[in-house]
Amino acid sequence: MGDSAEKQTRPSFFKGVKAEFKKISWPDRQATLKQSVAVVAISVVLGIIIAILDFVIQYGVNFLTSI
């Protein structure tokens, strides 16, 4: 009995999803490329900073434990 009500709501759900996808403003190729380069660059810089901090902290812990 509940199946007929569920079948009626699904087509309207997918129509709503399709309507919302039409409202999306997709970025152009150049904007996507710039944002991707920014993400990669920031990831590399943060990776380097974390590696340096890790090295310094490891050196400090080793120094303190060798006393």
PDB file of N, CA and C in Angstrom:
ATOM      1  N   MET A   1       0.817  -1.191   0.000  1.00  0.00           N
ATOM      2  CA  MET A   1       0.000   0.000   0.000  1.00  0.00           C
ATOM      3  C   MET A   1       0.862   1.257   0.000  1.00  0.00           C
ATOM      4  N   GLY A   2       1.973   1.207   0.706  1.00  0.00           N
ATOM      5  CA  GLY A   2       2.845   2.363   0.765  1.00  0.00           C
ATOM      6  C   GLY A   2       3.657   2.541  -0.507  1.00  0.00           C
ATOM      7  N   ASP A   3       3.684   1.513  -1.367  1.00  0.00           N
ATOM      8  CA  ASP A   3       4.487   1.578  -2.584  1.00  0.00           C
ATOM      9  C   ASP A   3       3.961   2.592  -3.583  1.00  0.00           C
ATOM     10  N   SER A   4       2.655   2.734  -3.698  1.00  0.00           N
ATOM     11  CA  SER A   4       2.101   3.663  -4.685  1.00  0.00           C
ATOM     12  C   SER A   4       2.425   5.108  -4.318  1.00  0.00           C
ATOM     13  N   ALA A   5       2.400   5.438  -3.058  1.00  0.00           N
ATOM     14  CA  ALA A   5       2.744   6.798  -2.633  1.00  0.00           C
ATOM     15  C   ALA A   5       4.226   7.064  -2.868  1.00  0.00           C
ATOM     16  N   GLU A   6       5.065   6.054  -2.654  1.00  0.00           N
ATOM     17  CA  GLU A   6       6.506   6.212  -2.852  1.00  0.00           C
ATOM     18  C   GLU A   6       6.820   6.390  -4.336  1.00  0.00           C
ATOM     19  N   LYS A   7       6.134   5.677  -5.198  1.00  0.00           N
ATOM     20  CA  LYS A   7       6.366   5.796  -6.641  1.00  0.00           C
ATOM     21  C   LYS A   7       5.959   7.176  -7.150  1.00  0.00           C
ATOM     22  N   GLN A   8       4.968   7.778  -6.555  1.00  0.00           N
ATOM     23  CA  GLN A   8       4.522   9.097  -6.998  1.00  0.00           C
ATOM     24  C   GLN A   8       5.499  10.184  -6.568  1.00  0.00           C
ATOM     25  N   THR A   9       6.176  10.005  -5.436  1.00  0.00           N
ATOM     26  CA  THR A   9       7.084  11.046  -4.959  1.00  0.00           C
ATOM     27  C   THR A   9       8.441  10.986  -5.655  1.00  0.00           C
ATOM     28  N   ARG A  10       8.863   9.845  -6.133  1.00  0.00           N
ATOM     29  CA  ARG A  10      10.181   9.739  -6.761  1.00  0.00           C
ATOM     30  C   ARG A  10      10.307  10.571  -8.030  1.00  0.00           C
ATOM     31  N   PRO A  11       9.362  10.501  -8.955  1.00  0.00           N
ATOM     32  CA  PRO A  11       9.521  11.337 -10.154  1.00  0.00           C
ATOM     33  C   PRO A  11       9.580  12.828  -9.820  1.00  0.00           C
ATOM     34  N   SER A  12       8.813  13.267  -8.853  1.00  0.00           N
ATOM     35  CA  SER A  12       8.865  14.680  -8.508  1.00  0.00           C
ATOM     36  C   SER A  12      10.195  15.018  -7.827  1.00  0.00           C
ATOM     37  N   PHE A  13      10.762  14.059  -7.091  1.00  0.00           N
ATOM     38  CA  PHE A  13      12.067  14.282  -6.467  1.00  0.00           C
ATOM     39  C   PHE A  13      13.128  14.482  -7.543  1.00  0.00           C
ATOM     40  N   PHE A  14      13.145  13.604  -8.535  1.00  0.00           N
ATOM     41  CA  PHE A  14      14.154  13.705  -9.590  1.00  0.00           C
ATOM     42  C   PHE A  14      13.938  14.938 -10.466  1.00  0.00           C
ATOM     43  N   LYS A  15      12.693  15.347 -10.636  1.00  0.00           N
ATOM     44  CA  LYS A  15      12.422  16.590 -11.361  1.00  0.00           C
ATOM     45  C   LYS A  15      12.979  17.778 -10.577  1.00  0.00           C
ATOM     46  N   GLY A  16      12.836  17.722  -9.252  1.00  0.00           N
ATOM     47  CA  GLY A  16      13.384  18.777  -8.410  1.00  0.00           C
ATOM     48  C   GLY A  16      14.908  18.816  -8.470  1.00  0.00           C
ATOM     49  N   VAL A  17      15.522  17.650  -8.462  1.00  0.00           N
ATOM     50  CA  VAL A  17      16.981  17.585  -8.558  1.00  0.00           C
ATOM     51  C   VAL A  17      17.442  18.152  -9.894  1.00  0.00           C
ATOM     52  N   LYS A  18      16.756  17.800 -10.960  1.00  0.00           N
ATOM     53  CA  LYS A  18      17.113  18.304 -12.288  1.00  0.00           C
ATOM     54  C   LYS A  18      16.961  19.826 -12.344  1.00  0.00           C
ATOM     55  N   ALA A  19      15.910  20.336 -11.748  1.00  0.00           N
ATOM     56  CA  ALA A  19      15.691  21.786 -11.732  1.00  0.00           C
ATOM     57  C   ALA A  19      16.788  22.495 -10.936  1.00  0.00           C
ATOM     58  N   GLU A  20      17.214  21.910  -9.832  1.00  0.00           N
ATOM     59  CA  GLU A  20      18.273  22.519  -9.030  1.00  0.00           C
ATOM     60  C   GLU A  20      19.613  22.474  -9.755  1.00  0.00           C
ATOM     61  N   PHE A  21      19.879  21.408 -10.493  1.00  0.00           N
ATOM     62  CA  PHE A  21      21.135  21.321 -11.248  1.00  0.00           C
ATOM     63  C   PHE A  21      21.200  22.381 -12.336  1.00  0.00           C
ATOM     64  N   LYS A  22      20.058  22.753 -12.864  1.00  0.00           N
ATOM     65  CA  LYS A  22      20.046  23.807 -13.883  1.00  0.00           C
ATOM     66  C   LYS A  22      20.391  25.170 -13.285  1.00  0.00           C
ATOM     67  N   LYS A  23      20.172  25.351 -11.984  1.00  0.00           N
ATOM     68  CA  LYS A  23      20.451  26.619 -11.321  1.00  0.00           C
ATOM     69  C   LYS A  23      21.927  26.779 -10.959  1.00  0.00           C
ATOM     70  N   ILE A  24      22.689  25.682 -11.001  1.00  0.00           N
ATOM     71  CA  ILE A  24      24.095  25.726 -10.587  1.00  0.00           C
ATOM     72  C   ILE A  24      24.900  26.536 -11.586  1.00  0.00           C
ATOM     73  N   SER A  25      25.743  27.409 -11.048  1.00  0.00           N
ATOM     74  CA  SER A  25      26.646  28.201 -11.883  1.00  0.00           C
ATOM     75  C   SER A  25      28.014  27.522 -11.853  1.00  0.00           C
ATOM     76  N   TRP A  26      28.319  26.740 -12.891  1.00  0.00           N
ATOM     77  CA  TRP A  26      29.571  25.998 -12.941  1.00  0.00           C
ATOM     78  C   TRP A  26      30.709  26.935 -13.338  1.00  0.00           C
ATOM     79  N   PRO A  27      31.878  26.793 -12.696  1.00  0.00           N
ATOM     80  CA  PRO A  27      33.014  27.646 -13.065  1.00  0.00           C
ATOM     81  C   PRO A  27      33.563  27.264 -14.436  1.00  0.00           C
ATOM     82  N   ASP A  28      34.161  28.239 -15.101  1.00  0.00           N
ATOM     83  CA  ASP A  28      34.735  27.931 -16.407  1.00  0.00           C
ATOM     84  C   ASP A  28      36.073  27.221 -16.221  1.00  0.00           C
ATOM     85  N   ARG A  29      36.663  26.806 -17.325  1.00  0.00           N
ATOM     86  CA  ARG A  29      37.880  26.010 -17.295  1.00  0.00           C
ATOM     87  C   ARG A  29      39.036  26.768 -16.637  1.00  0.00           C
ATOM     88  N   GLN A  30      39.160  28.050 -16.931  1.00  0.00           N
ATOM     89  CA  GLN A  30      40.265  28.846 -16.391  1.00  0.00           C
ATOM     90  C   GLN A  30      40.144  28.993 -14.877  1.00  0.00           C
ATOM     91  N   ALA A  31      38.943  29.247 -14.390  1.00  0.00           N
ATOM     92  CA  ALA A  31      38.742  29.387 -12.945  1.00  0.00           C
ATOM     93  C   ALA A  31      39.042  28.068 -12.235  1.00  0.00           C
ATOM     94  N   THR A  32      38.611  26.963 -12.821  1.00  0.00           N
ATOM     95  CA  THR A  32      38.881  25.657 -12.241  1.00  0.00           C
ATOM     96  C   THR A  32      40.377  25.383 -12.191  1.00  0.00           C
ATOM     97  N   LEU A  33      41.084  25.730 -13.245  1.00  0.00           N
ATOM     98  CA  LEU A  33      42.529  25.532 -13.289  1.00  0.00           C
ATOM     99  C   LEU A  33      43.226  26.369 -12.225  1.00  0.00           C
ATOM    100  N   LYS A  34      42.838  27.645 -12.087  1.00  0.00           N
ATOM    101  CA  LYS A  34      43.452  28.523 -11.087  1.00  0.00           C
ATOM    102  C   LYS A  34      43.214  27.988  -9.675  1.00  0.00           C
ATOM    103  N   GLN A  35      42.001  27.554  -9.399  1.00  0.00           N
ATOM    104  CA  GLN A  35      41.681  27.048  -8.070  1.00  0.00           C
ATOM    105  C   GLN A  35      42.427  25.743  -7.789  1.00  0.00           C
ATOM    106  N   SER A  36      42.567  24.899  -8.797  1.00  0.00           N
ATOM    107  CA  SER A  36      43.298  23.644  -8.619  1.00  0.00           C
ATOM    108  C   SER A  36      44.771  23.905  -8.337  1.00  0.00           C
ATOM    109  N   VAL A  37      45.367  24.847  -9.058  1.00  0.00           N
ATOM    110  CA  VAL A  37      46.766  25.200  -8.828  1.00  0.00           C
ATOM    111  C   VAL A  37      46.933  25.774  -7.424  1.00  0.00           C
ATOM    112  N   ALA A  38      45.999  26.591  -6.985  1.00  0.00           N
ATOM    113  CA  ALA A  38      46.065  27.169  -5.641  1.00  0.00           C
ATOM    114  C   ALA A  38      45.997  26.072  -4.579  1.00  0.00           C
ATOM    115  N   VAL A  39      45.129  25.108  -4.750  1.00  0.00           N
ATOM    116  CA  VAL A  39      44.987  24.023  -3.785  1.00  0.00           C
ATOM    117  C   VAL A  39      46.278  23.206  -3.718  1.00  0.00           C
ATOM    118  N   VAL A  40      46.850  22.882  -4.864  1.00  0.00           N
ATOM    119  CA  VAL A  40      48.087  22.098  -4.883  1.00  0.00           C
ATOM    120  C   VAL A  40      49.226  22.889  -4.246  1.00  0.00           C
ATOM    121  N   ALA A  41      49.349  24.169  -4.574  1.00  0.00           N
ATOM    122  CA  ALA A  41      50.427  24.998  -4.027  1.00  0.00           C
ATOM    123  C   ALA A  41      50.311  25.119  -2.505  1.00  0.00           C
ATOM    124  N   ILE A  42      49.115  25.380  -2.009  1.00  0.00           N
ATOM    125  CA  ILE A  42      48.924  25.495  -0.566  1.00  0.00           C
ATOM    126  C   ILE A  42      49.203  24.163   0.125  1.00  0.00           C
ATOM    127  N   SER A  43      48.816  23.058  -0.497  1.00  0.00           N
ATOM    128  CA  SER A  43      49.078  21.741   0.082  1.00  0.00           C
ATOM    129  C   SER A  43      50.573  21.476   0.184  1.00  0.00           C
ATOM    130  N   VAL A  44      51.322  21.831  -0.856  1.00  0.00           N
ATOM    131  CA  VAL A  44      52.776  21.627  -0.841  1.00  0.00           C
ATOM    132  C   VAL A  44      53.419  22.496   0.239  1.00  0.00           C
ATOM    133  N   VAL A  45      53.023  23.756   0.312  1.00  0.00           N
ATOM    134  CA  VAL A  45      53.600  24.661   1.306  1.00  0.00           C
ATOM    135  C   VAL A  45      53.297  24.168   2.726  1.00  0.00           C
ATOM    136  N   LEU A  46      52.066  23.781   2.978  1.00  0.00           N
ATOM    137  CA  LEU A  46      51.723  23.273   4.308  1.00  0.00           C
ATOM    138  C   LEU A  46      52.449  21.967   4.609  1.00  0.00           C
ATOM    139  N   GLY A  47      52.633  21.124   3.612  1.00  0.00           N
ATOM    140  CA  GLY A  47      53.391  19.887   3.805  1.00  0.00           C
ATOM    141  C   GLY A  47      54.825  20.174   4.208  1.00  0.00           C
ATOM    142  N   ILE A  48      55.437  21.166   3.568  1.00  0.00           N
ATOM    143  CA  ILE A  48      56.815  21.550   3.908  1.00  0.00           C
ATOM    144  C   ILE A  48      56.877  22.108   5.321  1.00  0.00           C
ATOM    145  N   ILE A  49      55.926  22.967   5.680  1.00  0.00           N
ATOM    146  CA  ILE A  49      55.899  23.539   7.032  1.00  0.00           C
ATOM    147  C   ILE A  49      55.746  22.437   8.075  1.00  0.00           C
ATOM    148  N   ILE A  50      54.850  21.492   7.832  1.00  0.00           N
ATOM    149  CA  ILE A  50      54.648  20.398   8.785  1.00  0.00           C
ATOM    150  C   ILE A  50      55.900  19.536   8.889  1.00  0.00           C
ATOM    151  N   ALA A  51      56.574  19.285   7.759  1.00  0.00           N
ATOM    152  CA  ALA A  51      57.803  18.490   7.787  1.00  0.00           C
ATOM    153  C   ALA A  51      58.891  19.195   8.591  1.00  0.00           C
ATOM    154  N   ILE A  52      59.023  20.503   8.428  1.00  0.00           N
ATOM    155  CA  ILE A  52      60.025  21.260   9.188  1.00  0.00           C
ATOM    156  C   ILE A  52      59.699  21.228  10.676  1.00  0.00           C
ATOM    157  N   LEU A  53      58.435  21.456  11.020  1.00  0.00           N
ATOM    158  CA  LEU A  53      58.039  21.399  12.428  1.00  0.00           C
ATOM    159  C   LEU A  53      58.288  20.009  13.015  1.00  0.00           C
ATOM    160  N   ASP A  54      58.001  18.980  12.260  1.00  0.00           N
ATOM    161  CA  ASP A  54      58.223  17.617  12.715  1.00  0.00           C
ATOM    162  C   ASP A  54      59.708  17.384  12.982  1.00  0.00           C
ATOM    163  N   PHE A  55      60.559  17.850  12.084  1.00  0.00           N
ATOM    164  CA  PHE A  55      61.997  17.689  12.251  1.00  0.00           C
ATOM    165  C   PHE A  55      62.486  18.422  13.491  1.00  0.00           C
ATOM    166  N   VAL A  56      62.029  19.651  13.684  1.00  0.00           N
ATOM    167  CA  VAL A  56      62.454  20.447  14.839  1.00  0.00           C
ATOM    168  C   VAL A  56      61.980  19.804  16.144  1.00  0.00           C
ATOM    169  N   ILE A  57      60.746  19.376  16.194  1.00  0.00           N
ATOM    170  CA  ILE A  57      60.212  18.751  17.407  1.00  0.00           C
ATOM    171  C   ILE A  57      60.932  17.431  17.676  1.00  0.00           C
ATOM    172  N   GLN A  58      61.182  16.651  16.638  1.00  0.00           N
ATOM    173  CA  GLN A  58      61.897  15.388  16.806  1.00  0.00           C
ATOM    174  C   GLN A  58      63.309  15.644  17.337  1.00  0.00           C
ATOM    175  N   TYR A  59      63.977  16.645  16.807  1.00  0.00           N
ATOM    176  CA  TYR A  59      65.316  17.001  17.271  1.00  0.00           C
ATOM    177  C   TYR A  59      65.260  17.437  18.748  1.00  0.00           C
ATOM    178  N   GLY A  60      64.274  18.224  19.109  1.00  0.00           N
ATOM    179  CA  GLY A  60      64.132  18.685  20.487  1.00  0.00           C
ATOM    180  C   GLY A  60      63.863  17.545  21.448  1.00  0.00           C
ATOM    181  N   VAL A  61      62.990  16.620  21.067  1.00  0.00           N
ATOM    182  CA  VAL A  61      62.679  15.473  21.926  1.00  0.00           C
ATOM    183  C   VAL A  61      63.925  14.602  22.075  1.00  0.00           C
ATOM    184  N   ASN A  62      64.612  14.343  20.976  1.00  0.00           N
ATOM    185  CA  ASN A  62      65.847  13.550  21.053  1.00  0.00           C
ATOM    186  C   ASN A  62      66.895  14.213  21.940  1.00  0.00           C
ATOM    187  N   PHE A  63      67.001  15.539  21.844  1.00  0.00           N
ATOM    188  CA  PHE A  63      67.954  16.263  22.677  1.00  0.00           C
ATOM    189  C   PHE A  63      67.586  16.151  24.152  1.00  0.00           C
ATOM    190  N   LEU A  64      66.285  16.305  24.442  1.00  0.00           N
ATOM    191  CA  LEU A  64      65.843  16.234  25.845  1.00  0.00           C
ATOM    192  C   LEU A  64      65.983  14.824  26.420  1.00  0.00           C
ATOM    193  N   THR A  65      65.752  13.804  25.625  1.00  0.00           N
ATOM    194  CA  THR A  65      65.845  12.436  26.144  1.00  0.00           C
ATOM    195  C   THR A  65      67.294  11.978  26.262  1.00  0.00           C
ATOM    196  N   SER A  66      68.220  12.640  25.598  1.00  0.00           N
ATOM    197  CA  SER A  66      69.621  12.225  25.675  1.00  0.00           C
ATOM    198  C   SER A  66      70.342  12.875  26.853  1.00  0.00           C
ATOM    199  N   ILE A  67      69.676  13.767  27.551  1.00  0.00           N
ATOM    200  CA  ILE A  67      70.315  14.456  28.692  1.00  0.00           C
ATOM    201  C   ILE A  67      70.464  13.512  29.864  1.00  0.00           C
TER     202      ILE A  67
END
